[in-house]
């Protein structure tokens, strides 16, 4: 793919905000607090790229089991059987088994990287999602966060794939500028829960940053209905 090509998110009205989608080869941070549907949204993008365009995706879940995640997404209308081997979901349990075979005494992060490099060699994936960056850091027992993140992002860019890193960081924390991943990433999609009335809360989405894109940085309401995500203008505050 040429450098000016983009991957559609297939979120209704969101691709227009992104000038057609996410530039290929970007490392994109998908951040938000629990319940904002970060994982579902990311899976949705990989799923529809597999279904509509035949692009191969790998979704690495470090928190939820593969069975649980696939069952949840199936209920949302994203039937993994419909995309065959174009969407591969691997979880921590499977990774741990493989790690024993390829560890060679290396650190957890080194072995994790080796595992993904093997996946890339075998599957030639176009898109990669890691859920989540927080768990990856905890398991890797990161000591120098700034240095480790810098090398992690550089390594991810060498994959020649579009990468999504899911993070539990709130929009406020990201915007404070204290998170190095905000500077290192090529794009930031931020999600939050917004209280609009005493008894009503809305999910909202915002593209904070997207290199090579003249995007709209406003917040939009994020809705999921009938198996589809869509964004709409925020009407009520």
Protein backbone atom coordinates (compact mmCIF):
# COMPACT_ATOMS: atom_id res chain seq x y z
CA UNK A 1 0.00 0.00 0.00
CA UNK A 2 1.22 3.51 -0.74
CA UNK A 3 1.86 5.96 2.08
CA UNK A 4 -1.27 7.99 1.31
CA UNK A 5 -3.65 5.04 1.64
CA UNK A 6 -5.90 4.68 4.65
CA UNK A 7 -7.77 2.01 6.52
CA UNK A 8 -11.43 2.82 7.02
CA UNK A 9 -12.68 2.39 10.59
CA UNK A 10 -16.17 1.49 9.30
CA UNK A 11 -17.59 3.63 12.11
CA UNK A 12 -20.39 5.54 10.43
CA UNK A 13 -19.49 9.25 9.98
CA UNK A 14 -16.11 8.83 11.74
CA UNK A 15 -14.11 8.14 8.59
CA UNK A 16 -15.20 11.48 7.16
CA UNK A 17 -13.78 13.13 10.28
CA UNK A 18 -10.49 11.31 9.60
CA UNK A 19 -10.28 12.27 5.90
CA UNK A 20 -11.18 8.72 4.94
CA UNK A 21 -9.66 6.68 7.75
CA UNK A 22 -6.41 5.92 9.53
CA UNK A 23 -3.19 6.24 7.49
CA UNK A 24 -1.56 2.86 6.94
CA UNK A 25 1.51 2.16 9.05
CA UNK A 26 0.41 4.38 11.92
CA UNK A 27 0.76 3.38 15.57
CA UNK A 28 -2.50 4.54 17.15
CA UNK A 29 -3.30 4.84 20.84
CA UNK A 30 -6.93 4.01 21.75
CA UNK A 31 -7.37 5.40 25.24
CA UNK A 32 -10.18 5.64 27.73
CA UNK A 33 -11.50 4.54 31.09
CA UNK A 34 -13.29 1.20 31.65
CA UNK A 35 -16.67 0.85 29.92
CA UNK A 36 -15.91 3.17 27.02
CA UNK A 37 -15.82 0.24 24.53
CA UNK A 38 -12.14 0.64 23.60
CA UNK A 39 -11.67 -3.08 23.00
CA UNK A 40 -14.95 -3.45 21.10
CA UNK A 41 -14.17 -0.48 18.86
CA UNK A 42 -10.66 -1.72 18.07
CA UNK A 43 -11.86 -5.26 17.37
CA UNK A 44 -14.61 -3.77 15.17
CA UNK A 45 -12.04 -2.02 12.99
CA UNK A 46 -9.93 -5.16 12.54
CA UNK A 47 -13.02 -7.29 11.96
CA UNK A 48 -14.42 -5.10 9.20
CA UNK A 49 -11.07 -4.73 7.48
CA UNK A 50 -10.93 -8.54 7.41
CA UNK A 51 -14.52 -8.91 6.24
CA UNK A 52 -14.72 -6.09 3.72
CA UNK A 53 -11.14 -5.92 2.41
CA UNK A 54 -9.58 -9.27 3.22
CA UNK A 55 -6.92 -7.64 5.40
CA UNK A 56 -5.29 -9.91 7.96
CA UNK A 57 -5.50 -8.76 11.56
CA UNK A 58 -4.11 -10.03 14.86
CA UNK A 59 -5.78 -9.08 18.13
CA UNK A 60 -3.62 -9.79 21.20
CA UNK A 61 -5.62 -9.81 24.44
CA UNK A 62 -3.54 -9.73 27.62
CA UNK A 63 -6.52 -9.28 29.96
CA UNK A 64 -9.44 -11.33 28.64
CA UNK A 65 -9.37 -14.93 27.46
CA UNK A 66 -9.77 -15.61 23.76
CA UNK A 67 -12.98 -17.55 24.33
CA UNK A 68 -14.53 -14.75 26.38
CA UNK A 69 -13.57 -12.03 23.89
CA UNK A 70 -14.76 -13.96 20.82
CA UNK A 71 -18.04 -14.83 22.55
CA UNK A 72 -18.59 -11.18 23.47
CA UNK A 73 -17.87 -9.96 19.95
CA UNK A 74 -20.04 -12.67 18.39
CA UNK A 75 -22.95 -11.37 20.47
CA UNK A 76 -22.28 -7.90 19.08
CA UNK A 77 -22.67 -9.27 15.55
CA UNK A 78 -18.99 -9.76 14.73
CA UNK A 79 -19.00 -13.49 14.01
CA UNK A 80 -15.42 -14.66 13.80
CA UNK A 81 -16.46 -17.59 11.59
CA UNK A 82 -17.41 -15.06 8.91
CA UNK A 83 -13.83 -13.83 8.50
CA UNK A 84 -12.04 -17.18 8.65
CA UNK A 85 -8.30 -16.91 9.18
CA UNK A 86 -8.25 -13.20 8.38
CA UNK A 87 -8.75 -12.28 12.05
CA UNK A 88 -6.59 -14.08 14.60
CA UNK A 89 -7.24 -13.65 18.33
CA UNK A 90 -4.50 -14.76 20.71
CA UNK A 91 -4.55 -14.45 24.48
CA UNK A 92 -2.05 -14.49 27.32
CA UNK A 93 -2.56 -18.20 28.01
CA UNK A 94 -1.56 -19.15 24.47
CA UNK A 95 1.34 -16.71 24.52
CA UNK A 96 2.65 -18.19 27.79
CA UNK A 97 2.70 -21.66 26.25
CA UNK A 98 4.65 -20.40 23.26
CA UNK A 99 6.98 -18.38 25.48
CA UNK A 100 8.31 -21.54 27.08
CA UNK A 101 9.37 -22.74 23.65
CA UNK A 102 11.09 -19.55 22.52
CA UNK A 103 12.16 -17.90 25.79
CA UNK A 104 15.88 -18.70 25.69
CA UNK A 105 16.29 -16.92 29.00
CA UNK A 106 15.29 -13.51 27.65
CA UNK A 107 13.15 -10.90 29.40
CA UNK A 108 9.37 -11.08 29.14
CA UNK A 109 9.31 -8.12 26.76
CA UNK A 110 11.98 -9.65 24.55
CA UNK A 111 10.10 -12.93 24.40
CA UNK A 112 6.80 -11.16 23.74
CA UNK A 113 8.41 -9.34 20.82
CA UNK A 114 9.82 -12.61 19.48
CA UNK A 115 6.36 -14.15 19.60
CA UNK A 116 4.81 -11.29 17.60
CA UNK A 117 7.68 -11.37 15.11
CA UNK A 118 6.94 -15.06 14.56
CA UNK A 119 3.27 -14.21 14.02
CA UNK A 120 4.21 -11.54 11.50
CA UNK A 121 6.44 -13.97 9.61
CA UNK A 122 3.72 -16.63 9.50
CA UNK A 123 0.57 -14.56 9.04
CA UNK A 124 1.88 -11.47 7.23
CA UNK A 125 -0.71 -9.45 9.14
CA UNK A 126 -1.72 -5.95 8.05
CA UNK A 127 -3.20 -4.79 11.36
CA UNK A 128 -2.22 -5.51 14.96
CA UNK A 129 -4.03 -4.67 18.21
CA UNK A 130 -2.50 -5.03 21.68
CA UNK A 131 -4.96 -5.00 24.58
CA UNK A 132 -3.59 -3.49 26.66
CA UNK A 133 -0.46 -1.38 26.93
CA UNK A 134 -0.98 -1.15 30.70
CA UNK A 135 -0.87 -4.94 31.19
CA UNK A 136 2.09 -5.26 28.83
CA UNK A 137 4.04 -2.77 30.93
CA UNK A 138 3.11 -4.51 34.19
CA UNK A 139 4.13 -7.94 32.94
CA UNK A 140 7.37 -6.60 31.46
CA UNK A 141 8.19 -4.99 34.83
CA UNK A 142 9.27 -1.79 33.09
CA UNK A 143 11.85 0.18 35.05
CA UNK A 144 12.64 3.10 32.74
CA UNK A 145 9.23 3.78 31.20
CA UNK A 146 10.29 6.53 28.82
CA UNK A 147 13.16 4.51 27.35
CA UNK A 148 11.17 1.27 27.11
CA UNK A 149 8.23 2.98 25.42
CA UNK A 150 10.47 4.70 22.91
CA UNK A 151 12.01 1.39 21.83
CA UNK A 152 8.61 -0.33 21.88
CA UNK A 153 7.13 2.22 19.47
CA UNK A 154 10.20 2.07 17.21
CA UNK A 155 9.93 -1.72 17.14
CA UNK A 156 6.22 -1.60 16.33
CA UNK A 157 6.87 0.69 13.37
CA UNK A 158 9.25 -1.88 11.89
CA UNK A 159 6.32 -4.29 11.44
CA UNK A 160 5.08 -2.45 8.35
CA UNK A 161 1.57 -2.77 9.80
CA UNK A 162 -1.05 -0.49 11.30
CA UNK A 163 -0.97 -0.94 15.08
CA UNK A 164 -3.54 -0.15 17.78
CA UNK A 165 -2.41 0.10 21.40
CA UNK A 166 -5.28 0.09 23.89
CA UNK A 167 -4.70 2.11 27.05
CA UNK A 168 -6.70 2.69 30.23
CA UNK A 169 -5.47 6.29 30.47
CA UNK A 170 -8.28 8.83 30.74
CA UNK A 171 -8.57 11.66 28.18
CA UNK A 172 -7.63 14.14 30.91
CA UNK A 173 -4.40 12.26 31.70
CA UNK A 174 -3.46 12.01 28.03
CA UNK A 175 -4.04 15.73 27.50
CA UNK A 176 -1.96 16.65 30.55
CA UNK A 177 1.07 15.68 28.50
CA UNK A 178 2.60 13.46 31.17
CA UNK A 179 2.18 10.26 29.14
CA UNK A 180 5.06 9.59 26.75
CA UNK A 181 2.89 7.38 24.55
CA UNK A 182 0.88 10.46 23.58
CA UNK A 183 3.98 11.96 21.96
CA UNK A 184 5.28 8.71 20.52
CA UNK A 185 2.04 7.62 18.85
CA UNK A 186 1.03 8.69 15.36
CA UNK A 187 -2.61 8.97 16.39
CA UNK A 188 -4.75 9.14 19.51
CA UNK A 189 -8.40 8.14 19.63
CA UNK A 190 -9.81 9.02 23.01
CA UNK A 191 -13.05 7.74 24.55
CA UNK A 192 -14.87 8.84 27.68
CA UNK A 193 -18.13 8.56 29.59
CA UNK A 194 -19.90 11.92 29.80
CA UNK A 195 -22.69 12.57 32.30
CA UNK A 196 -25.30 14.66 30.47
CA UNK A 197 -28.16 14.43 32.93
CA UNK A 198 -28.56 13.10 36.44
CA UNK A 199 -29.69 9.72 35.06
CA UNK A 200 -27.97 9.66 31.66
CA UNK A 201 -24.40 9.01 30.55
CA UNK A 202 -23.12 9.12 26.97
CA UNK A 203 -20.08 7.51 25.43
CA UNK A 204 -18.02 10.04 23.52
CA UNK A 205 -15.14 9.76 21.08
CA UNK A 206 -12.54 12.22 19.90
CA UNK A 207 -9.60 12.04 17.55
CA UNK A 208 -7.05 13.96 19.59
CA UNK A 209 -4.21 13.42 17.14
CA UNK A 210 -3.72 11.82 13.73
CA UNK A 211 -0.58 12.56 11.77
CA UNK A 212 -0.97 13.22 8.03
CA UNK A 213 -4.65 14.02 8.62
CA UNK A 214 -6.63 17.24 8.76
CA UNK A 215 -9.07 15.84 11.32
CA UNK A 216 -11.85 17.33 13.40
CA UNK A 217 -10.69 17.25 17.07
CA UNK A 218 -14.21 17.69 18.50
CA UNK A 219 -15.96 15.19 20.74
CA UNK A 220 -18.77 13.16 19.16
CA UNK A 221 -21.32 10.84 20.70
CA UNK A 222 -20.39 7.20 20.10
CA UNK A 223 -23.33 4.86 19.54
CA UNK A 224 -23.57 1.12 18.92
CA UNK A 225 -26.76 -0.34 17.50
CA UNK A 226 -27.65 -3.16 15.13
CA UNK A 227 -24.07 -4.41 15.02
CA UNK A 228 -22.70 -1.04 13.90
CA UNK A 229 -20.80 1.82 15.51
CA UNK A 230 -21.62 5.37 14.52
CA UNK A 231 -20.78 8.86 15.69
CA UNK A 232 -23.15 11.81 15.87
CA UNK A 233 -22.84 15.44 16.79
CA UNK A 234 -23.07 16.09 20.50
CA UNK A 235 -26.48 17.65 21.08
CA UNK A 236 -27.01 17.80 24.84
CA UNK A 237 -24.50 18.70 27.53
